[in-house]
């Protein structure tokens, strides 16, 4: 027996918006300025690590942004399909009215 799938499209859209905002936050990550103490790792090593982290954050932000866009598009397709299904059903079955 199949169960009815219920989707709260407003929550799906809100989730996609949050993902998009998170992707934007990742793009804003910046390495701190200034040198540390002499007992810390060399500035060159730290700078190289910051470059690697920034590159990873940029790739992650791009992936999250693509996923958020995909979810938004899927939600739009779902809504369109539901509307089309409702129209087709209305054409072949009289509306049910509960008393």
PDB file of N, CA and C in Angstrom:
ATOM      1  N   UNK A   1       0.838  -1.174   0.000  1.00  0.00           N
ATOM      2  CA  UNK A   1       0.000   0.000   0.000  1.00  0.00           C
ATOM      3  C   UNK A   1       0.889   1.245   0.000  1.00  0.00           C
ATOM      4  N   UNK A   2       0.606   2.139  -0.895  1.00  0.00           N
ATOM      5  CA  UNK A   2       1.397   3.361  -0.979  1.00  0.00           C
ATOM      6  C   UNK A   2       0.889   4.382   0.025  1.00  0.00           C
ATOM      7  N   UNK A   3       1.826   5.110   0.583  1.00  0.00           N
ATOM      8  CA  UNK A   3       1.457   6.187   1.482  1.00  0.00           C
ATOM      9  C   UNK A   3       1.548   7.506   0.729  1.00  0.00           C
ATOM     10  N   UNK A   4       0.720   8.447   1.146  1.00  0.00           N
ATOM     11  CA  UNK A   4       0.717   9.755   0.508  1.00  0.00           C
ATOM     12  C   UNK A   4       1.968  10.534   0.926  1.00  0.00           C
ATOM     13  N   UNK A   5       2.620  11.097  -0.048  1.00  0.00           N
ATOM     14  CA  UNK A   5       3.779  11.947   0.202  1.00  0.00           C
ATOM     15  C   UNK A   5       3.285  13.356   0.460  1.00  0.00           C
ATOM     16  N   UNK A   6       3.682  13.901   1.568  1.00  0.00           N
ATOM     17  CA  UNK A   6       3.298  15.277   1.898  1.00  0.00           C
ATOM     18  C   UNK A   6       4.557  16.131   1.950  1.00  0.00           C
ATOM     19  N   UNK A   7       4.555  17.190   1.193  1.00  0.00           N
ATOM     20  CA  UNK A   7       5.712  18.075   1.119  1.00  0.00           C
ATOM     21  C   UNK A   7       5.267  19.482   1.458  1.00  0.00           C
ATOM     22  N   UNK A   8       5.943  20.068   2.426  1.00  0.00           N
ATOM     23  CA  UNK A   8       5.676  21.461   2.773  1.00  0.00           C
ATOM     24  C   UNK A   8       6.589  22.316   1.900  1.00  0.00           C
ATOM     25  N   UNK A   9       6.042  22.807   0.802  1.00  0.00           N
ATOM     26  CA  UNK A   9       6.875  23.515  -0.175  1.00  0.00           C
ATOM     27  C   UNK A   9       7.475  24.797   0.397  1.00  0.00           C
ATOM     28  N   UNK A  10       6.801  25.424   1.322  1.00  0.00           N
ATOM     29  CA  UNK A  10       7.366  26.634   1.937  1.00  0.00           C
ATOM     30  C   UNK A  10       8.631  26.278   2.713  1.00  0.00           C
ATOM     31  N   UNK A  11       8.629  25.134   3.411  1.00  0.00           N
ATOM     32  CA  UNK A  11       9.824  24.713   4.133  1.00  0.00           C
ATOM     33  C   UNK A  11      10.947  24.337   3.179  1.00  0.00           C
ATOM     34  N   UNK A  12      10.610  23.725   2.054  1.00  0.00           N
ATOM     35  CA  UNK A  12      11.631  23.369   1.061  1.00  0.00           C
ATOM     36  C   UNK A  12      12.274  24.641   0.513  1.00  0.00           C
ATOM     37  N   UNK A  13      11.463  25.631   0.206  1.00  0.00           N
ATOM     38  CA  UNK A  13      12.003  26.894  -0.305  1.00  0.00           C
ATOM     39  C   UNK A  13      12.839  27.598   0.762  1.00  0.00           C
ATOM     40  N   UNK A  14      12.397  27.556   2.022  1.00  0.00           N
ATOM     41  CA  UNK A  14      13.165  28.174   3.103  1.00  0.00           C
ATOM     42  C   UNK A  14      14.513  27.465   3.280  1.00  0.00           C
ATOM     43  N   UNK A  15      14.505  26.140   3.178  1.00  0.00           N
ATOM     44  CA  UNK A  15      15.742  25.375   3.297  1.00  0.00           C
ATOM     45  C   UNK A  15      16.706  25.754   2.177  1.00  0.00           C
ATOM     46  N   UNK A  16      16.216  25.854   0.962  1.00  0.00           N
ATOM     47  CA  UNK A  16      17.074  26.232  -0.167  1.00  0.00           C
ATOM     48  C   UNK A  16      17.633  27.636   0.026  1.00  0.00           C
ATOM     49  N   UNK A  17      16.815  28.532   0.558  1.00  0.00           N
ATOM     50  CA  UNK A  17      17.291  29.898   0.821  1.00  0.00           C
ATOM     51  C   UNK A  17      18.395  29.890   1.882  1.00  0.00           C
ATOM     52  N   UNK A  18      18.223  29.070   2.931  1.00  0.00           N
ATOM     53  CA  UNK A  18      19.263  28.980   3.969  1.00  0.00           C
ATOM     54  C   UNK A  18      20.548  28.420   3.393  1.00  0.00           C
ATOM     55  N   UNK A  19      20.429  27.419   2.508  1.00  0.00           N
ATOM     56  CA  UNK A  19      21.630  26.870   1.877  1.00  0.00           C
ATOM     57  C   UNK A  19      22.330  27.924   1.037  1.00  0.00           C
ATOM     58  N   UNK A  20      21.553  28.709   0.306  1.00  0.00           N
ATOM     59  CA  UNK A  20      22.139  29.779  -0.497  1.00  0.00           C
ATOM     60  C   UNK A  20      22.857  30.802   0.365  1.00  0.00           C
ATOM     61  N   UNK A  21      22.247  31.142   1.510  1.00  0.00           N
ATOM     62  CA  UNK A  21      22.883  32.098   2.428  1.00  0.00           C
ATOM     63  C   UNK A  21      24.164  31.505   3.011  1.00  0.00           C
ATOM     64  N   UNK A  22      24.136  30.220   3.351  1.00  0.00           N
ATOM     65  CA  UNK A  22      25.338  29.572   3.887  1.00  0.00           C
ATOM     66  C   UNK A  22      26.459  29.567   2.851  1.00  0.00           C
ATOM     67  N   UNK A  23      26.107  29.332   1.608  1.00  0.00           N
ATOM     68  CA  UNK A  23      27.118  29.350   0.546  1.00  0.00           C
ATOM     69  C   UNK A  23      27.723  30.741   0.438  1.00  0.00           C
ATOM     70  N   UNK A  24      26.904  31.763   0.579  1.00  0.00           N
ATOM     71  CA  UNK A  24      27.416  33.135   0.548  1.00  0.00           C
ATOM     72  C   UNK A  24      28.346  33.421   1.713  1.00  0.00           C
ATOM     73  N   UNK A  25      28.008  32.879   2.894  1.00  0.00           N
ATOM     74  CA  UNK A  25      28.868  33.061   4.068  1.00  0.00           C
ATOM     75  C   UNK A  25      30.225  32.401   3.863  1.00  0.00           C
ATOM     76  N   UNK A  26      30.239  31.232   3.218  1.00  0.00           N
ATOM     77  CA  UNK A  26      31.511  30.557   2.975  1.00  0.00           C
ATOM     78  C   UNK A  26      32.406  31.368   2.053  1.00  0.00           C
ATOM     79  N   UNK A  27      31.817  32.066   1.102  1.00  0.00           N
ATOM     80  CA  UNK A  27      32.604  32.885   0.190  1.00  0.00           C
ATOM     81  C   UNK A  27      33.240  34.073   0.887  1.00  0.00           C
ATOM     82  N   UNK A  28      32.701  34.464   2.033  1.00  0.00           N
ATOM     83  CA  UNK A  28      33.214  35.638   2.732  1.00  0.00           C
ATOM     84  C   UNK A  28      34.344  35.311   3.705  1.00  0.00           C
ATOM     85  N   UNK A  29      34.709  34.040   3.816  1.00  0.00           N
ATOM     86  CA  UNK A  29      35.768  33.641   4.736  1.00  0.00           C
ATOM     87  C   UNK A  29      37.086  34.254   4.285  1.00  0.00           C
ATOM     88  N   UNK A  30      37.785  34.890   5.220  1.00  0.00           N
ATOM     89  CA  UNK A  30      39.059  35.523   4.888  1.00  0.00           C
ATOM     90  C   UNK A  30      40.101  35.146   5.934  1.00  0.00           C
ATOM     91  N   UNK A  31      41.322  35.037   5.498  1.00  0.00           N
ATOM     92  CA  UNK A  31      42.414  34.731   6.417  1.00  0.00           C
ATOM     93  C   UNK A  31      42.692  35.939   7.303  1.00  0.00           C
ATOM     94  N   UNK A  32      42.998  35.712   8.572  1.00  0.00           N
ATOM     95  CA  UNK A  32      43.317  36.836   9.454  1.00  0.00           C
ATOM     96  C   UNK A  32      44.621  37.501   9.030  1.00  0.00           C
ATOM     97  N   UNK A  33      44.701  38.795   9.248  1.00  0.00           N
ATOM     98  CA  UNK A  33      45.899  39.557   8.870  1.00  0.00           C
ATOM     99  C   UNK A  33      46.886  39.571  10.034  1.00  0.00           C
ATOM    100  N   UNK A  34      48.125  39.763   9.716  1.00  0.00           N
ATOM    101  CA  UNK A  34      49.142  39.903  10.754  1.00  0.00           C
ATOM    102  C   UNK A  34      49.916  38.619  11.001  1.00  0.00           C
ATOM    103  N   UNK A  35      51.079  38.761  11.571  1.00  0.00           N
ATOM    104  CA  UNK A  35      51.935  37.621  11.863  1.00  0.00           C
ATOM    105  C   UNK A  35      51.759  37.202  13.312  1.00  0.00           C
ATOM    106  N   UNK A  36      52.025  35.945  13.590  1.00  0.00           N
ATOM    107  CA  UNK A  36      51.935  35.432  14.944  1.00  0.00           C
ATOM    108  C   UNK A  36      53.275  35.539  15.652  1.00  0.00           C
ATOM    109  N   UNK A  37      53.368  34.850  16.760  1.00  0.00           N
ATOM    110  CA  UNK A  37      54.613  34.827  17.528  1.00  0.00           C
ATOM    111  C   UNK A  37      55.661  33.989  16.806  1.00  0.00           C
ATOM    112  N   UNK A  38      56.925  34.201  17.160  1.00  0.00           N
ATOM    113  CA  UNK A  38      58.006  33.474  16.496  1.00  0.00           C
ATOM    114  C   UNK A  38      57.933  31.975  16.792  1.00  0.00           C
ATOM    115  N   UNK A  39      57.280  31.574  17.872  1.00  0.00           N
ATOM    116  CA  UNK A  39      57.194  30.152  18.188  1.00  0.00           C
ATOM    117  C   UNK A  39      56.120  29.449  17.352  1.00  0.00           C
ATOM    118  N   UNK A  40      55.331  30.190  16.635  1.00  0.00           N
ATOM    119  CA  UNK A  40      54.300  29.588  15.795  1.00  0.00           C
ATOM    120  C   UNK A  40      54.897  29.202  14.442  1.00  0.00           C
ATOM    121  N   UNK A  41      54.110  28.462  13.684  1.00  0.00           N
ATOM    122  CA  UNK A  41      54.578  28.043  12.353  1.00  0.00           C
ATOM    123  C   UNK A  41      54.924  29.257  11.515  1.00  0.00           C
ATOM    124  N   UNK A  42      55.757  29.037  10.516  1.00  0.00           N
ATOM    125  CA  UNK A  42      56.199  30.155   9.682  1.00  0.00           C
ATOM    126  C   UNK A  42      55.013  30.793   8.961  1.00  0.00           C
ATOM    127  N   UNK A  43      55.170  32.052   8.664  1.00  0.00           N
ATOM    128  CA  UNK A  43      54.108  32.790   7.981  1.00  0.00           C
ATOM    129  C   UNK A  43      53.811  32.173   6.616  1.00  0.00           C
ATOM    130  N   UNK A  44      54.824  31.651   5.948  1.00  0.00           N
ATOM    131  CA  UNK A  44      54.611  31.042   4.635  1.00  0.00           C
ATOM    132  C   UNK A  44      53.732  29.800   4.749  1.00  0.00           C
ATOM    133  N   UNK A  45      53.977  28.982   5.765  1.00  0.00           N
ATOM    134  CA  UNK A  45      53.175  27.770   5.948  1.00  0.00           C
ATOM    135  C   UNK A  45      51.741  28.123   6.306  1.00  0.00           C
ATOM    136  N   UNK A  46      51.587  29.109   7.158  1.00  0.00           N
ATOM    137  CA  UNK A  46      50.249  29.538   7.554  1.00  0.00           C
ATOM    138  C   UNK A  46      49.514  30.125   6.362  1.00  0.00           C
ATOM    139  N   UNK A  47      50.189  30.932   5.584  1.00  0.00           N
ATOM    140  CA  UNK A  47      49.559  31.507   4.390  1.00  0.00           C
ATOM    141  C   UNK A  47      49.151  30.421   3.400  1.00  0.00           C
ATOM    142  N   UNK A  48      49.996  29.415   3.235  1.00  0.00           N
ATOM    143  CA  UNK A  48      49.661  28.316   2.328  1.00  0.00           C
ATOM    144  C   UNK A  48      48.420  27.575   2.826  1.00  0.00           C
ATOM    145  N   UNK A  49      48.347  27.365   4.144  1.00  0.00           N
ATOM    146  CA  UNK A  49      47.174  26.702   4.710  1.00  0.00           C
ATOM    147  C   UNK A  49      45.921  27.539   4.489  1.00  0.00           C
ATOM    148  N   UNK A  50      46.037  28.846   4.656  1.00  0.00           N
ATOM    149  CA  UNK A  50      44.883  29.729   4.429  1.00  0.00           C
ATOM    150  C   UNK A  50      44.433  29.682   2.971  1.00  0.00           C
ATOM    151  N   UNK A  51      45.374  29.581   2.063  1.00  0.00           N
ATOM    152  CA  UNK A  51      45.032  29.482   0.640  1.00  0.00           C
ATOM    153  C   UNK A  51      44.260  28.185   0.396  1.00  0.00           C
ATOM    154  N   UNK A  52      44.752  27.083   0.986  1.00  0.00           N
ATOM    155  CA  UNK A  52      44.060  25.799   0.829  1.00  0.00           C
ATOM    156  C   UNK A  52      42.657  25.851   1.421  1.00  0.00           C
ATOM    157  N   UNK A  53      42.520  26.428   2.601  1.00  0.00           N
ATOM    158  CA  UNK A  53      41.210  26.524   3.253  1.00  0.00           C
ATOM    159  C   UNK A  53      40.274  27.411   2.436  1.00  0.00           C
ATOM    160  N   UNK A  54      40.794  28.515   1.933  1.00  0.00           N
ATOM    161  CA  UNK A  54      39.961  29.415   1.128  1.00  0.00           C
ATOM    162  C   UNK A  54      39.498  28.724  -0.156  1.00  0.00           C
ATOM    163  N   UNK A  55      40.385  27.941  -0.774  1.00  0.00           N
ATOM    164  CA  UNK A  55      40.007  27.224  -1.992  1.00  0.00           C
ATOM    165  C   UNK A  55      38.948  26.175  -1.683  1.00  0.00           C
ATOM    166  N   UNK A  56      39.120  25.452  -0.574  1.00  0.00           N
ATOM    167  CA  UNK A  56      38.123  24.461  -0.179  1.00  0.00           C
ATOM    168  C   UNK A  56      36.784  25.131   0.111  1.00  0.00           C
ATOM    169  N   UNK A  57      36.814  26.239   0.836  1.00  0.00           N
ATOM    170  CA  UNK A  57      35.576  26.952   1.170  1.00  0.00           C
ATOM    171  C   UNK A  57      34.870  27.441  -0.090  1.00  0.00           C
ATOM    172  N   UNK A  58      35.635  27.897  -1.064  1.00  0.00           N
ATOM    173  CA  UNK A  58      35.036  28.362  -2.319  1.00  0.00           C
ATOM    174  C   UNK A  58      34.379  27.202  -3.066  1.00  0.00           C
ATOM    175  N   UNK A  59      35.054  26.042  -3.101  1.00  0.00           N
ATOM    176  CA  UNK A  59      34.462  24.870  -3.772  1.00  0.00           C
ATOM    177  C   UNK A  59      33.211  24.400  -3.037  1.00  0.00           C
ATOM    178  N   UNK A  60      33.285  24.388  -1.708  1.00  0.00           N
ATOM    179  CA  UNK A  60      32.125  23.975  -0.920  1.00  0.00           C
ATOM    180  C   UNK A  60      30.960  24.938  -1.127  1.00  0.00           C
ATOM    181  N   UNK A  61      31.247  26.232  -1.131  1.00  0.00           N
ATOM    182  CA  UNK A  61      30.199  27.234  -1.349  1.00  0.00           C
ATOM    183  C   UNK A  61      29.544  27.039  -2.710  1.00  0.00           C
ATOM    184  N   UNK A  62      30.346  26.745  -3.712  1.00  0.00           N
ATOM    185  CA  UNK A  62      29.793  26.530  -5.055  1.00  0.00           C
ATOM    186  C   UNK A  62      28.890  25.300  -5.072  1.00  0.00           C
ATOM    187  N   UNK A  63      29.314  24.229  -4.405  1.00  0.00           N
ATOM    188  CA  UNK A  63      28.495  23.006  -4.369  1.00  0.00           C
ATOM    189  C   UNK A  63      27.187  23.243  -3.614  1.00  0.00           C
ATOM    190  N   UNK A  64      27.266  23.938  -2.486  1.00  0.00           N
ATOM    191  CA  UNK A  64      26.051  24.212  -1.704  1.00  0.00           C
ATOM    192  C   UNK A  64      25.104  25.094  -2.508  1.00  0.00           C
ATOM    193  N   UNK A  65      25.653  26.073  -3.202  1.00  0.00           N
ATOM    194  CA  UNK A  65      24.830  26.971  -4.008  1.00  0.00           C
ATOM    195  C   UNK A  65      24.139  26.214  -5.141  1.00  0.00           C
ATOM    196  N   UNK A  66      24.875  25.317  -5.796  1.00  0.00           N
ATOM    197  CA  UNK A  66      24.280  24.494  -6.863  1.00  0.00           C
ATOM    198  C   UNK A  66      23.170  23.624  -6.288  1.00  0.00           C
ATOM    199  N   UNK A  67      23.407  23.027  -5.121  1.00  0.00           N
ATOM    200  CA  UNK A  67      22.391  22.174  -4.502  1.00  0.00           C
ATOM    201  C   UNK A  67      21.161  22.990  -4.128  1.00  0.00           C
ATOM    202  N   UNK A  68      21.353  24.188  -3.587  1.00  0.00           N
ATOM    203  CA  UNK A  68      20.207  25.038  -3.237  1.00  0.00           C
ATOM    204  C   UNK A  68      19.392  25.385  -4.472  1.00  0.00           C
ATOM    205  N   UNK A  69      20.070  25.689  -5.569  1.00  0.00           N
ATOM    206  CA  UNK A  69      19.377  25.983  -6.826  1.00  0.00           C
ATOM    207  C   UNK A  69      18.612  24.758  -7.315  1.00  0.00           C
ATOM    208  N   UNK A  70      19.223  23.582  -7.210  1.00  0.00           N
ATOM    209  CA  UNK A  70      18.561  22.349  -7.635  1.00  0.00           C
ATOM    210  C   UNK A  70      17.313  22.074  -6.814  1.00  0.00           C
ATOM    211  N   UNK A  71      17.396  22.296  -5.510  1.00  0.00           N
ATOM    212  CA  UNK A  71      16.233  22.067  -4.641  1.00  0.00           C
ATOM    213  C   UNK A  71      15.113  23.035  -5.000  1.00  0.00           C
ATOM    214  N   UNK A  72      15.456  24.285  -5.261  1.00  0.00           N
ATOM    215  CA  UNK A  72      14.452  25.272  -5.643  1.00  0.00           C
ATOM    216  C   UNK A  72      13.782  24.879  -6.960  1.00  0.00           C
ATOM    217  N   UNK A  73      14.570  24.427  -7.928  1.00  0.00           N
ATOM    218  CA  UNK A  73      14.007  23.987  -9.206  1.00  0.00           C
ATOM    219  C   UNK A  73      13.136  22.745  -9.039  1.00  0.00           C
ATOM    220  N   UNK A  74      13.584  21.808  -8.215  1.00  0.00           N
ATOM    221  CA  UNK A  74      12.797  20.599  -7.976  1.00  0.00           C
ATOM    222  C   UNK A  74      11.475  20.951  -7.302  1.00  0.00           C
ATOM    223  N   UNK A  75      11.507  21.883  -6.386  1.00  0.00           N
ATOM    224  CA  UNK A  75      10.280  22.306  -5.716  1.00  0.00           C
ATOM    225  C   UNK A  75       9.318  22.937  -6.716  1.00  0.00           C
ATOM    226  N   UNK A  76       9.830  23.740  -7.622  1.00  0.00           N
ATOM    227  CA  UNK A  76       8.977  24.351  -8.647  1.00  0.00           C
ATOM    228  C   UNK A  76       8.368  23.280  -9.554  1.00  0.00           C
ATOM    229  N   UNK A  77       9.157  22.287  -9.923  1.00  0.00           N
ATOM    230  CA  UNK A  77       8.641  21.191 -10.754  1.00  0.00           C
ATOM    231  C   UNK A  77       7.574  20.408  -9.999  1.00  0.00           C
ATOM    232  N   UNK A  78       7.795  20.181  -8.717  1.00  0.00           N
ATOM    233  CA  UNK A  78       6.820  19.469  -7.894  1.00  0.00           C
ATOM    234  C   UNK A  78       5.490  20.230  -7.866  1.00  0.00           C
ATOM    235  N   UNK A  79       5.559  21.535  -7.647  1.00  0.00           N
ATOM    236  CA  UNK A  79       4.338  22.340  -7.602  1.00  0.00           C
ATOM    237  C   UNK A  79       3.616  22.315  -8.947  1.00  0.00           C
ATOM    238  N   UNK A  80       4.362  22.405 -10.031  1.00  0.00           N
ATOM    239  CA  UNK A  80       3.756  22.367 -11.364  1.00  0.00           C
ATOM    240  C   UNK A  80       3.102  21.014 -11.620  1.00  0.00           C
ATOM    241  N   UNK A  81       3.779  19.937 -11.220  1.00  0.00           N
ATOM    242  CA  UNK A  81       3.227  18.599 -11.413  1.00  0.00           C
ATOM    243  C   UNK A  81       1.968  18.408 -10.574  1.00  0.00           C
ATOM    244  N   UNK A  82       1.964  18.884  -9.356  1.00  0.00           N
ATOM    245  CA  UNK A  82       0.782  18.776  -8.504  1.00  0.00           C
ATOM    246  C   UNK A  82      -0.399  19.547  -9.106  1.00  0.00           C
ATOM    247  N   UNK A  83      -0.123  20.730  -9.641  1.00  0.00           N
ATOM    248  CA  UNK A  83      -1.190  21.521 -10.265  1.00  0.00           C
ATOM    249  C   UNK A  83      -1.736  20.810 -11.504  1.00  0.00           C
ATOM    250  N   UNK A  84      -0.834  20.253 -12.311  1.00  0.00           N
ATOM    251  CA  UNK A  84      -1.265  19.534 -13.512  1.00  0.00           C
ATOM    252  C   UNK A  84      -2.074  18.295 -13.134  1.00  0.00           C
ATOM    253  N   UNK A  85      -1.638  17.581 -12.114  1.00  0.00           N
ATOM    254  CA  UNK A  85      -2.367  16.398 -11.660  1.00  0.00           C
ATOM    255  C   UNK A  85      -3.750  16.761 -11.138  1.00  0.00           C
ATOM    256  N   UNK A  86      -3.842  17.836 -10.391  1.00  0.00           N
ATOM    257  CA  UNK A  86      -5.133  18.277  -9.869  1.00  0.00           C
ATOM    258  C   UNK A  86      -6.079  18.650 -11.000  1.00  0.00           C
ATOM    259  N   UNK A  87      -5.541  19.300 -12.023  1.00  0.00           N
ATOM    260  CA  UNK A  87      -6.359  19.674 -13.179  1.00  0.00           C
ATOM    261  C   UNK A  87      -6.870  18.431 -13.907  1.00  0.00           C
ATOM    262  N   UNK A  88      -5.992  17.448 -14.127  1.00  0.00           N
ATOM    263  CA  UNK A  88      -6.391  16.216 -14.807  1.00  0.00           C
ATOM    264  C   UNK A  88      -7.417  15.444 -13.982  1.00  0.00           C
ATOM    265  N   UNK A  89      -7.220  15.387 -12.682  1.00  0.00           N
ATOM    266  CA  UNK A  89      -8.154  14.677 -11.819  1.00  0.00           C
ATOM    267  C   UNK A  89      -9.512  15.357 -11.814  1.00  0.00           C
ATOM    268  N   UNK A  90      -9.518  16.668 -11.792  1.00  0.00           N
ATOM    269  CA  UNK A  90     -10.785  17.407 -11.797  1.00  0.00           C
ATOM    270  C   UNK A  90     -11.556  17.177 -13.097  1.00  0.00           C
ATOM    271  N   UNK A  91     -10.834  16.924 -14.177  1.00  0.00           N
ATOM    272  CA  UNK A  91     -11.494  16.712 -15.465  1.00  0.00           C
ATOM    273  C   UNK A  91     -12.199  15.358 -15.550  1.00  0.00           C
ATOM    274  N   UNK A  92     -11.757  14.369 -14.762  1.00  0.00           N
ATOM    275  CA  UNK A  92     -12.347  13.034 -14.871  1.00  0.00           C
ATOM    276  C   UNK A  92     -13.172  12.619 -13.660  1.00  0.00           C
ATOM    277  N   UNK A  93     -13.056  13.339 -12.565  1.00  0.00           N
ATOM    278  CA  UNK A  93     -13.791  12.940 -11.357  1.00  0.00           C
ATOM    279  C   UNK A  93     -14.506  14.162 -10.777  1.00  0.00           C
ATOM    280  N   UNK A  94     -15.761  13.973 -10.401  1.00  0.00           N
ATOM    281  CA  UNK A  94     -16.457  15.098  -9.778  1.00  0.00           C
ATOM    282  C   UNK A  94     -15.851  15.392  -8.409  1.00  0.00           C
ATOM    283  N   UNK A  95     -15.889  16.638  -7.995  1.00  0.00           N
ATOM    284  CA  UNK A  95     -15.319  16.977  -6.685  1.00  0.00           C
ATOM    285  C   UNK A  95     -16.120  16.311  -5.564  1.00  0.00           C
ATOM    286  N   UNK A  96     -15.422  15.886  -4.546  1.00  0.00           N
ATOM    287  CA  UNK A  96     -16.064  15.272  -3.382  1.00  0.00           C
ATOM    288  C   UNK A  96     -16.394  16.354  -2.366  1.00  0.00           C
ATOM    289  N   UNK A  97     -17.599  16.300  -1.869  1.00  0.00           N
ATOM    290  CA  UNK A  97     -18.020  17.286  -0.869  1.00  0.00           C
ATOM    291  C   UNK A  97     -18.461  16.524   0.359  1.00  0.00           C
ATOM    292  N   UNK A  98     -17.834  16.825   1.487  1.00  0.00           N
ATOM    293  CA  UNK A  98     -18.244  16.151   2.727  1.00  0.00           C
ATOM    294  C   UNK A  98     -19.304  16.995   3.423  1.00  0.00           C
ATOM    295  N   UNK A  99     -20.262  16.351   3.963  1.00  0.00           N
ATOM    296  CA  UNK A  99     -21.353  17.035   4.659  1.00  0.00           C
ATOM    297  C   UNK A  99     -21.236  16.869   6.135  1.00  0.00           C
TER     298      UNK A  99
END
